[in-house]
Amino acid sequence: MDHVIATLAFGLLAALVAAGAVVGWRHFHPAEADDEEGGEEVAEYMSMMIALLYALLLGLALVSVWELRSDAESHTSTEAGALHQMTVLAEGLPTPQKKRIASVAERYAVHVVQGEWPRLKERGQLPEPGWALVRQLRAVAAAPTDATPSQEVTALELLGQLSALDDARRGREAVSQETLSPVLWAGIFVGAVLSVGMLFFFGIGRSPGQLMMAMGMVVLTVFLGLLIHHLSTPFGDVMGVTPDPFTRYFPAASA
């Protein structure tokens, strides 16, 4: 919050300095008739520059939040895929061990979907029971003492998949706690105010066509703001990543 206040204060200070410079220049260099006639063209040029800079800011924000959601989706798919591969690889192990791996994997999927997903929406840290299940997976995936060479290879592959699962899980937790910078949000808000405020200074709305274009610009600005807001919560209820990869491989998790 302090960064936002500092940014807004710095921007206001810069605006006041610029305004003071313009007023001082006009005081010592009075405007001529030709200058007054060209003032409206300068104002239109400045409004175009404001709109262009605001479009760049929105583009930067959209790219940032879209990459955030893309990372969340990638981590979720990788984690669920690694968990499923562990159950497939377990077919090459003794039956009791295979059943233990399948049981722990299913409990892990159920815990992720039913216990962790609500916390992800609230940007909370993943609870300890999930990490305990990861440790259980590591214990049951170890090669038995009387393992054959092929079973030892299978155990090594299981540990490789478990490592991928652990990395994806940590990535999923980290992404859930990231969000768009408050400074960028401040810029989006100020830009929206300036863009909409320009409608009142250039006679826009005198004709039905101009009024419709002005309304369309406001609607589009609000839509983009809401889109950025929803995408900035990668596991949110609206446009957020779902636990479908887990429920696809482990139907019991959706119960």
C-alpha atoms as a PDB file:
ATOM      1  CA  MET A   1       0.000   0.000   0.000  1.00  0.00           C
ATOM      2  CA  ASP A   2       2.886   2.348   0.740  1.00  0.00           C
ATOM      3  CA  HIS A   3       4.215   1.808  -2.789  1.00  0.00           C
ATOM      4  CA  VAL A   4       0.832   2.759  -4.250  1.00  0.00           C
ATOM      5  CA  ILE A   5       0.616   5.947  -2.200  1.00  0.00           C
ATOM      6  CA  ALA A   6       4.195   6.845  -3.096  1.00  0.00           C
ATOM      7  CA  THR A   7       3.524   6.256  -6.808  1.00  0.00           C
ATOM      8  CA  LEU A   8       0.337   8.339  -6.784  1.00  0.00           C
ATOM      9  CA  ALA A   9       2.062  11.097  -4.823  1.00  0.00           C
ATOM     10  CA  PHE A  10       4.993  11.125  -7.240  1.00  0.00           C
ATOM     11  CA  GLY A  11       2.610  11.252 -10.213  1.00  0.00           C
ATOM     12  CA  LEU A  12       0.650  14.112  -8.651  1.00  0.00           C
ATOM     13  CA  LEU A  13       3.856  15.987  -7.913  1.00  0.00           C
ATOM     14  CA  ALA A  14       5.008  15.542 -11.509  1.00  0.00           C
ATOM     15  CA  ALA A  15       1.633  16.801 -12.762  1.00  0.00           C
ATOM     16  CA  LEU A  16       1.820  19.870 -10.519  1.00  0.00           C
ATOM     17  CA  VAL A  17       5.366  20.620 -11.699  1.00  0.00           C
ATOM     18  CA  ALA A  18       4.281  20.305 -15.327  1.00  0.00           C
ATOM     19  CA  ALA A  19       1.252  22.537 -14.731  1.00  0.00           C
ATOM     20  CA  GLY A  20       3.416  25.111 -12.949  1.00  0.00           C
ATOM     21  CA  ALA A  21       5.888  25.084 -15.826  1.00  0.00           C
ATOM     22  CA  VAL A  22       3.099  25.682 -18.355  1.00  0.00           C
ATOM     23  CA  VAL A  23       1.553  28.493 -16.305  1.00  0.00           C
ATOM     24  CA  GLY A  24       4.955  30.120 -15.838  1.00  0.00           C
ATOM     25  CA  TRP A  25       5.717  29.883 -19.532  1.00  0.00           C
ATOM     26  CA  ARG A  26       2.364  31.436 -20.430  1.00  0.00           C
ATOM     27  CA  HIS A  27       2.921  34.201 -17.909  1.00  0.00           C
ATOM     28  CA  PHE A  28       6.215  35.273 -19.451  1.00  0.00           C
ATOM     29  CA  HIS A  29       5.234  34.413 -23.039  1.00  0.00           C
ATOM     30  CA  PRO A  30       1.608  35.493 -23.575  1.00  0.00           C
ATOM     31  CA  ALA A  31      -0.283  33.458 -26.161  1.00  0.00           C
ATOM     32  CA  GLU A  32      -0.951  34.928 -29.577  1.00  0.00           C
ATOM     33  CA  ALA A  33      -4.027  34.418 -31.671  1.00  0.00           C
ATOM     34  CA  ASP A  34      -2.450  31.665 -33.747  1.00  0.00           C
ATOM     35  CA  ASP A  35      -1.448  29.807 -30.597  1.00  0.00           C
ATOM     36  CA  GLU A  36      -5.020  29.887 -29.294  1.00  0.00           C
ATOM     37  CA  GLU A  37      -6.335  28.454 -32.555  1.00  0.00           C
ATOM     38  CA  GLY A  38      -3.858  25.568 -32.388  1.00  0.00           C
ATOM     39  CA  GLY A  39      -4.597  24.817 -28.742  1.00  0.00           C
ATOM     40  CA  GLU A  40      -7.489  22.526 -29.609  1.00  0.00           C
ATOM     41  CA  GLU A  41      -5.282  20.464 -31.913  1.00  0.00           C
ATOM     42  CA  VAL A  42      -2.697  20.136 -29.142  1.00  0.00           C
ATOM     43  CA  ALA A  43      -5.414  18.996 -26.730  1.00  0.00           C
ATOM     44  CA  GLU A  44      -6.563  16.342 -29.184  1.00  0.00           C
ATOM     45  CA  TYR A  45      -2.969  15.169 -29.593  1.00  0.00           C
ATOM     46  CA  MET A  46      -2.529  14.941 -25.831  1.00  0.00           C
ATOM     47  CA  SER A  47      -5.747  12.959 -25.473  1.00  0.00           C
ATOM     48  CA  MET A  48      -4.497  10.510 -28.104  1.00  0.00           C
ATOM     49  CA  MET A  49      -1.231  10.120 -26.211  1.00  0.00           C
ATOM     50  CA  ILE A  50      -3.100   9.431 -22.960  1.00  0.00           C
ATOM     51  CA  ALA A  51      -5.228   6.811 -24.715  1.00  0.00           C
ATOM     52  CA  LEU A  52      -2.134   5.189 -26.245  1.00  0.00           C
ATOM     53  CA  LEU A  53      -0.250   5.040 -22.946  1.00  0.00           C
ATOM     54  CA  TYR A  54      -3.322   3.625 -21.212  1.00  0.00           C
ATOM     55  CA  ALA A  55      -3.658   0.952 -23.903  1.00  0.00           C
ATOM     56  CA  LEU A  56      -0.019  -0.025 -23.347  1.00  0.00           C
ATOM     57  CA  LEU A  57      -0.631  -0.223 -19.597  1.00  0.00           C
ATOM     58  CA  LEU A  58      -3.682  -2.444 -20.085  1.00  0.00           C
ATOM     59  CA  GLY A  59      -1.713  -4.649 -22.448  1.00  0.00           C
ATOM     60  CA  LEU A  60       1.070  -5.056 -19.897  1.00  0.00           C
ATOM     61  CA  ALA A  61      -1.440  -5.941 -17.182  1.00  0.00           C
ATOM     62  CA  LEU A  62      -3.246  -8.456 -19.398  1.00  0.00           C
ATOM     63  CA  VAL A  63      -0.025 -10.200 -20.389  1.00  0.00           C
ATOM     64  CA  SER A  64       1.065 -10.392 -16.733  1.00  0.00           C
ATOM     65  CA  VAL A  65      -2.147 -11.916 -15.411  1.00  0.00           C
ATOM     66  CA  TRP A  66      -2.518 -14.264 -18.390  1.00  0.00           C
ATOM     67  CA  GLU A  67       0.969 -15.652 -17.786  1.00  0.00           C
ATOM     68  CA  LEU A  68       0.026 -16.078 -14.124  1.00  0.00           C
ATOM     69  CA  ARG A  69      -3.028 -18.155 -15.036  1.00  0.00           C
ATOM     70  CA  SER A  70      -1.065 -20.106 -17.635  1.00  0.00           C
ATOM     71  CA  ASP A  71       1.557 -21.027 -15.029  1.00  0.00           C
ATOM     72  CA  ALA A  72      -1.153 -22.146 -12.618  1.00  0.00           C
ATOM     73  CA  GLU A  73      -2.724 -24.370 -15.273  1.00  0.00           C
ATOM     74  CA  SER A  74       0.645 -25.823 -16.237  1.00  0.00           C
ATOM     75  CA  HIS A  75       1.588 -26.661 -12.637  1.00  0.00           C
ATOM     76  CA  THR A  76      -1.790 -28.281 -12.015  1.00  0.00           C
ATOM     77  CA  SER A  77      -1.601 -30.450 -15.137  1.00  0.00           C
ATOM     78  CA  THR A  78       1.996 -31.481 -14.402  1.00  0.00           C
ATOM     79  CA  GLU A  79       1.189 -32.399 -10.811  1.00  0.00           C
ATOM     80  CA  ALA A  80      -1.869 -34.445 -11.695  1.00  0.00           C
ATOM     81  CA  GLY A  81      -0.081 -36.148 -14.584  1.00  0.00           C
ATOM     82  CA  ALA A  82       2.887 -37.110 -12.391  1.00  0.00           C
ATOM     83  CA  LEU A  83       0.543 -38.540  -9.753  1.00  0.00           C
ATOM     84  CA  HIS A  84      -1.269 -40.606 -12.385  1.00  0.00           C
ATOM     85  CA  GLN A  85       2.027 -41.840 -13.856  1.00  0.00           C
ATOM     86  CA  MET A  86       3.036 -43.101 -10.416  1.00  0.00           C
ATOM     87  CA  THR A  87      -0.025 -45.359 -10.317  1.00  0.00           C
ATOM     88  CA  VAL A  88       0.745 -46.596 -13.828  1.00  0.00           C
ATOM     89  CA  LEU A  89       4.414 -47.300 -13.048  1.00  0.00           C
ATOM     90  CA  ALA A  90       3.384 -49.095  -9.859  1.00  0.00           C
ATOM     91  CA  GLU A  91       2.044 -51.933 -12.019  1.00  0.00           C
ATOM     92  CA  GLY A  92       5.632 -53.165 -12.252  1.00  0.00           C
ATOM     93  CA  LEU A  93       5.959 -53.563  -8.469  1.00  0.00           C
ATOM     94  CA  PRO A  94       4.711 -56.303  -6.117  1.00  0.00           C
ATOM     95  CA  THR A  95       0.937 -56.292  -5.648  1.00  0.00           C
ATOM     96  CA  PRO A  96       0.916 -55.117  -1.995  1.00  0.00           C
ATOM     97  CA  GLN A  97       3.183 -52.163  -2.810  1.00  0.00           C
ATOM     98  CA  LYS A  98       1.178 -51.343  -5.926  1.00  0.00           C
ATOM     99  CA  LYS A  99      -2.009 -51.167  -3.852  1.00  0.00           C
ATOM    100  CA  ARG A 100      -0.361 -48.921  -1.254  1.00  0.00           C
ATOM    101  CA  ILE A 101       0.822 -46.504  -3.934  1.00  0.00           C
ATOM    102  CA  ALA A 102      -2.638 -46.423  -5.528  1.00  0.00           C
ATOM    103  CA  SER A 103      -4.268 -45.813  -2.133  1.00  0.00           C
ATOM    104  CA  VAL A 104      -1.952 -42.963  -1.117  1.00  0.00           C
ATOM    105  CA  ALA A 105      -2.186 -41.394  -4.603  1.00  0.00           C
ATOM    106  CA  GLU A 106      -5.973 -41.407  -4.436  1.00  0.00           C
ATOM    107  CA  ARG A 107      -5.973 -39.878  -0.957  1.00  0.00           C
ATOM    108  CA  TYR A 108      -3.592 -37.208  -2.194  1.00  0.00           C
ATOM    109  CA  ALA A 109      -5.880 -36.350  -5.128  1.00  0.00           C
ATOM    110  CA  VAL A 110      -8.910 -36.166  -2.834  1.00  0.00           C
ATOM    111  CA  HIS A 111      -7.034 -33.904  -0.434  1.00  0.00           C
ATOM    112  CA  VAL A 112      -5.888 -31.561  -3.227  1.00  0.00           C
ATOM    113  CA  VAL A 113      -9.367 -31.191  -4.719  1.00  0.00           C
ATOM    114  CA  GLN A 114     -11.429 -31.034  -1.551  1.00  0.00           C
ATOM    115  CA  GLY A 115      -8.974 -29.665   0.989  1.00  0.00           C
ATOM    116  CA  GLU A 116      -6.530 -27.445  -0.862  1.00  0.00           C
ATOM    117  CA  TRP A 117      -8.470 -25.858  -3.702  1.00  0.00           C
ATOM    118  CA  PRO A 118     -10.583 -23.603  -1.428  1.00  0.00           C
ATOM    119  CA  ARG A 119      -7.360 -22.347   0.201  1.00  0.00           C
ATOM    120  CA  LEU A 120      -5.861 -21.597  -3.201  1.00  0.00           C
ATOM    121  CA  LYS A 121      -8.788 -19.289  -3.954  1.00  0.00           C
ATOM    122  CA  GLU A 122      -7.997 -17.405  -0.748  1.00  0.00           C
ATOM    123  CA  ARG A 123      -4.245 -17.260  -1.588  1.00  0.00           C
ATOM    124  CA  GLY A 124      -3.393 -19.274   1.510  1.00  0.00           C
ATOM    125  CA  GLN A 125      -0.446 -21.611   1.980  1.00  0.00           C
ATOM    126  CA  LEU A 126      -0.960 -25.305   1.342  1.00  0.00           C
ATOM    127  CA  PRO A 127      -1.728 -27.184   4.582  1.00  0.00           C
ATOM    128  CA  GLU A 128       0.626 -29.712   6.162  1.00  0.00           C
ATOM    129  CA  PRO A 129      -1.518 -32.840   5.462  1.00  0.00           C
ATOM    130  CA  GLY A 130      -0.731 -32.496   1.763  1.00  0.00           C
ATOM    131  CA  TRP A 131       3.004 -32.447   2.384  1.00  0.00           C
ATOM    132  CA  ALA A 132       2.604 -35.453   4.696  1.00  0.00           C
ATOM    133  CA  LEU A 133       0.960 -37.364   1.845  1.00  0.00           C
ATOM    134  CA  VAL A 134       3.894 -36.461  -0.411  1.00  0.00           C
ATOM    135  CA  ARG A 135       6.244 -37.975   2.159  1.00  0.00           C
ATOM    136  CA  GLN A 136       4.044 -41.079   2.307  1.00  0.00           C
ATOM    137  CA  LEU A 137       4.245 -41.381  -1.474  1.00  0.00           C
ATOM    138  CA  ARG A 138       8.021 -41.205  -1.262  1.00  0.00           C
ATOM    139  CA  ALA A 139       8.063 -43.941   1.397  1.00  0.00           C
ATOM    140  CA  VAL A 140       5.761 -46.371  -0.422  1.00  0.00           C
ATOM    141  CA  ALA A 141       7.509 -45.772  -3.762  1.00  0.00           C
ATOM    142  CA  ALA A 142      10.922 -46.927  -2.504  1.00  0.00           C
ATOM    143  CA  ALA A 143      12.226 -50.196  -3.942  1.00  0.00           C
ATOM    144  CA  PRO A 144      11.686 -53.231  -1.692  1.00  0.00           C
ATOM    145  CA  THR A 145      14.722 -54.915  -0.183  1.00  0.00           C
ATOM    146  CA  ASP A 146      14.289 -57.991  -2.398  1.00  0.00           C
ATOM    147  CA  ALA A 147      13.552 -55.984  -5.551  1.00  0.00           C
ATOM    148  CA  THR A 148      14.505 -57.356  -8.922  1.00  0.00           C
ATOM    149  CA  PRO A 149      16.553 -55.202 -11.331  1.00  0.00           C
ATOM    150  CA  SER A 150      13.396 -54.221 -13.231  1.00  0.00           C
ATOM    151  CA  GLN A 151      11.637 -53.269  -9.988  1.00  0.00           C
ATOM    152  CA  GLU A 152      14.602 -51.115  -8.988  1.00  0.00           C
ATOM    153  CA  VAL A 153      14.337 -49.295 -12.318  1.00  0.00           C
ATOM    154  CA  THR A 154      10.605 -48.841 -11.734  1.00  0.00           C
ATOM    155  CA  ALA A 155      11.288 -47.409  -8.257  1.00  0.00           C
ATOM    156  CA  LEU A 156      13.736 -44.913  -9.734  1.00  0.00           C
ATOM    157  CA  GLU A 157      11.129 -43.822 -12.301  1.00  0.00           C
ATOM    158  CA  LEU A 158       8.583 -43.467  -9.510  1.00  0.00           C
ATOM    159  CA  LEU A 159      10.943 -41.160  -7.621  1.00  0.00           C
ATOM    160  CA  GLY A 160      11.434 -39.116 -10.795  1.00  0.00           C
ATOM    161  CA  GLN A 161       7.679 -38.649 -11.129  1.00  0.00           C
ATOM    162  CA  LEU A 162       7.446 -37.802  -7.435  1.00  0.00           C
ATOM    163  CA  SER A 163      10.116 -35.127  -7.888  1.00  0.00           C
ATOM    164  CA  ALA A 164       8.096 -33.627 -10.760  1.00  0.00           C
ATOM    165  CA  LEU A 165       4.972 -33.731  -8.578  1.00  0.00           C
ATOM    166  CA  ASP A 166       6.764 -32.003  -5.701  1.00  0.00           C
ATOM    167  CA  ASP A 167       8.103 -29.225  -7.965  1.00  0.00           C
ATOM    168  CA  ALA A 168       4.688 -28.670  -9.548  1.00  0.00           C
ATOM    169  CA  ARG A 169       3.038 -28.597  -6.120  1.00  0.00           C
ATOM    170  CA  ARG A 170       5.444 -25.915  -4.910  1.00  0.00           C
ATOM    171  CA  GLY A 171       4.872 -23.980  -8.119  1.00  0.00           C
ATOM    172  CA  ARG A 172       1.099 -24.214  -7.666  1.00  0.00           C
ATOM    173  CA  GLU A 173       1.417 -22.821  -4.145  1.00  0.00           C
ATOM    174  CA  ALA A 174       3.694 -19.977  -5.270  1.00  0.00           C
ATOM    175  CA  VAL A 175       1.424 -18.967  -8.177  1.00  0.00           C
ATOM    176  CA  SER A 176      -1.654 -18.939  -5.939  1.00  0.00           C
ATOM    177  CA  GLN A 177      -0.031 -16.256  -3.775  1.00  0.00           C
ATOM    178  CA  GLU A 178       1.069 -14.024  -6.641  1.00  0.00           C
ATOM    179  CA  THR A 179      -1.063 -11.157  -7.872  1.00  0.00           C
ATOM    180  CA  LEU A 180      -0.901  -8.032  -9.980  1.00  0.00           C
ATOM    181  CA  SER A 181       1.232  -5.262  -8.500  1.00  0.00           C
ATOM    182  CA  PRO A 182      -0.778  -2.645  -6.559  1.00  0.00           C
ATOM    183  CA  VAL A 183       1.240   0.007  -8.380  1.00  0.00           C
ATOM    184  CA  LEU A 184      -0.021  -1.350 -11.706  1.00  0.00           C
ATOM    185  CA  TRP A 185      -3.578  -1.390 -10.342  1.00  0.00           C
ATOM    186  CA  ALA A 186      -3.159   2.270  -9.378  1.00  0.00           C
ATOM    187  CA  GLY A 187      -2.011   3.076 -12.907  1.00  0.00           C
ATOM    188  CA  ILE A 188      -4.999   1.248 -14.395  1.00  0.00           C
ATOM    189  CA  PHE A 189      -7.412   3.179 -12.175  1.00  0.00           C
ATOM    190  CA  VAL A 190      -5.842   6.573 -12.882  1.00  0.00           C
ATOM    191  CA  GLY A 191      -5.720   5.809 -16.604  1.00  0.00           C
ATOM    192  CA  ALA A 192      -9.394   4.858 -16.618  1.00  0.00           C
ATOM    193  CA  VAL A 193     -10.341   8.101 -14.868  1.00  0.00           C
ATOM    194  CA  LEU A 194      -8.313  10.162 -17.340  1.00  0.00           C
ATOM    195  CA  SER A 195      -9.645   8.298 -20.370  1.00  0.00           C
ATOM    196  CA  VAL A 196     -13.272   8.655 -19.321  1.00  0.00           C
ATOM    197  CA  GLY A 197     -12.741  12.221 -18.085  1.00  0.00           C
ATOM    198  CA  MET A 198     -11.615  13.301 -21.548  1.00  0.00           C
ATOM    199  CA  LEU A 199     -15.153  12.662 -22.799  1.00  0.00           C
ATOM    200  CA  PHE A 200     -16.320  15.767 -20.930  1.00  0.00           C
ATOM    201  CA  PHE A 201     -13.739  18.182 -22.353  1.00  0.00           C
ATOM    202  CA  PHE A 202     -13.988  17.824 -26.108  1.00  0.00           C
ATOM    203  CA  GLY A 203     -17.661  18.116 -26.813  1.00  0.00           C
ATOM    204  CA  ILE A 204     -18.128  14.386 -27.318  1.00  0.00           C
ATOM    205  CA  GLY A 205     -21.738  13.313 -27.209  1.00  0.00           C
ATOM    206  CA  ARG A 206     -23.249  16.085 -29.292  1.00  0.00           C
ATOM    207  CA  SER A 207     -24.408  13.497 -31.813  1.00  0.00           C
ATOM    208  CA  PRO A 208     -25.897  10.009 -31.236  1.00  0.00           C
ATOM    209  CA  GLY A 209     -22.922   8.408 -33.006  1.00  0.00           C
ATOM    210  CA  GLN A 210     -20.393  10.101 -30.724  1.00  0.00           C
ATOM    211  CA  LEU A 211     -22.437   9.201 -27.679  1.00  0.00           C
ATOM    212  CA  MET A 212     -22.520   5.534 -28.696  1.00  0.00           C
ATOM    213  CA  MET A 213     -18.755   5.488 -29.244  1.00  0.00           C
ATOM    214  CA  ALA A 214     -18.206   7.096 -25.840  1.00  0.00           C
ATOM    215  CA  MET A 215     -20.458   4.515 -24.187  1.00  0.00           C
ATOM    216  CA  GLY A 216     -18.621   1.729 -25.999  1.00  0.00           C
ATOM    217  CA  MET A 217     -15.276   3.006 -24.753  1.00  0.00           C
ATOM    218  CA  VAL A 218     -16.507   3.080 -21.157  1.00  0.00           C
ATOM    219  CA  VAL A 219     -17.971  -0.432 -21.435  1.00  0.00           C
ATOM    220  CA  LEU A 220     -14.734  -1.771 -22.929  1.00  0.00           C
ATOM    221  CA  THR A 221     -12.656  -0.100 -20.217  1.00  0.00           C
ATOM    222  CA  VAL A 222     -14.801  -1.629 -17.463  1.00  0.00           C
ATOM    223  CA  PHE A 223     -14.740  -5.032 -19.181  1.00  0.00           C
ATOM    224  CA  LEU A 224     -10.940  -5.040 -19.443  1.00  0.00           C
ATOM    225  CA  GLY A 225     -10.634  -3.983 -15.810  1.00  0.00           C
ATOM    226  CA  LEU A 226     -12.874  -6.858 -14.677  1.00  0.00           C
ATOM    227  CA  LEU A 227     -11.032  -9.283 -16.946  1.00  0.00           C
ATOM    228  CA  ILE A 228      -7.689  -8.318 -15.426  1.00  0.00           C
ATOM    229  CA  HIS A 229      -9.187  -8.608 -11.931  1.00  0.00           C
ATOM    230  CA  HIS A 230     -10.467 -12.144 -12.526  1.00  0.00           C
ATOM    231  CA  LEU A 231      -7.295 -13.332 -14.260  1.00  0.00           C
ATOM    232  CA  SER A 232      -5.183 -11.959 -11.409  1.00  0.00           C
ATOM    233  CA  THR A 233      -6.726 -14.670  -9.192  1.00  0.00           C
ATOM    234  CA  PRO A 234      -5.533 -17.801 -11.028  1.00  0.00           C
ATOM    235  CA  PHE A 235      -7.552 -20.202  -8.875  1.00  0.00           C
ATOM    236  CA  GLY A 236     -10.631 -17.980  -8.466  1.00  0.00           C
ATOM    237  CA  ASP A 237     -14.250 -18.886  -9.118  1.00  0.00           C
ATOM    238  CA  VAL A 238     -14.384 -16.865 -12.354  1.00  0.00           C
ATOM    239  CA  MET A 239     -11.945 -17.888 -15.112  1.00  0.00           C
ATOM    240  CA  GLY A 240      -9.789 -19.659 -12.537  1.00  0.00           C
ATOM    241  CA  VAL A 241      -7.936 -22.947 -13.013  1.00  0.00           C
ATOM    242  CA  THR A 242     -10.025 -25.942 -11.928  1.00  0.00           C
ATOM    243  CA  PRO A 243      -8.865 -29.267 -10.428  1.00  0.00           C
ATOM    244  CA  ASP A 244     -10.207 -31.161 -13.458  1.00  0.00           C
ATOM    245  CA  PRO A 245      -6.832 -32.866 -14.186  1.00  0.00           C
ATOM    246  CA  PHE A 246      -7.041 -34.553 -10.764  1.00  0.00           C
ATOM    247  CA  THR A 247     -10.692 -35.553 -11.052  1.00  0.00           C
ATOM    248  CA  ARG A 248     -10.060 -36.908 -14.573  1.00  0.00           C
ATOM    249  CA  TYR A 249      -7.467 -39.396 -13.321  1.00  0.00           C
ATOM    250  CA  PHE A 250      -9.001 -39.950  -9.868  1.00  0.00           C
ATOM    251  CA  PRO A 251     -12.832 -39.841 -10.029  1.00  0.00           C
ATOM    252  CA  ALA A 252     -13.069 -40.340  -6.269  1.00  0.00           C
ATOM    253  CA  ALA A 253     -11.666 -36.824  -5.778  1.00  0.00           C
ATOM    254  CA  SER A 254     -14.795 -35.253  -7.272  1.00  0.00           C
ATOM    255  CA  ALA A 255     -17.161 -36.971  -4.835  1.00  0.00           C
END
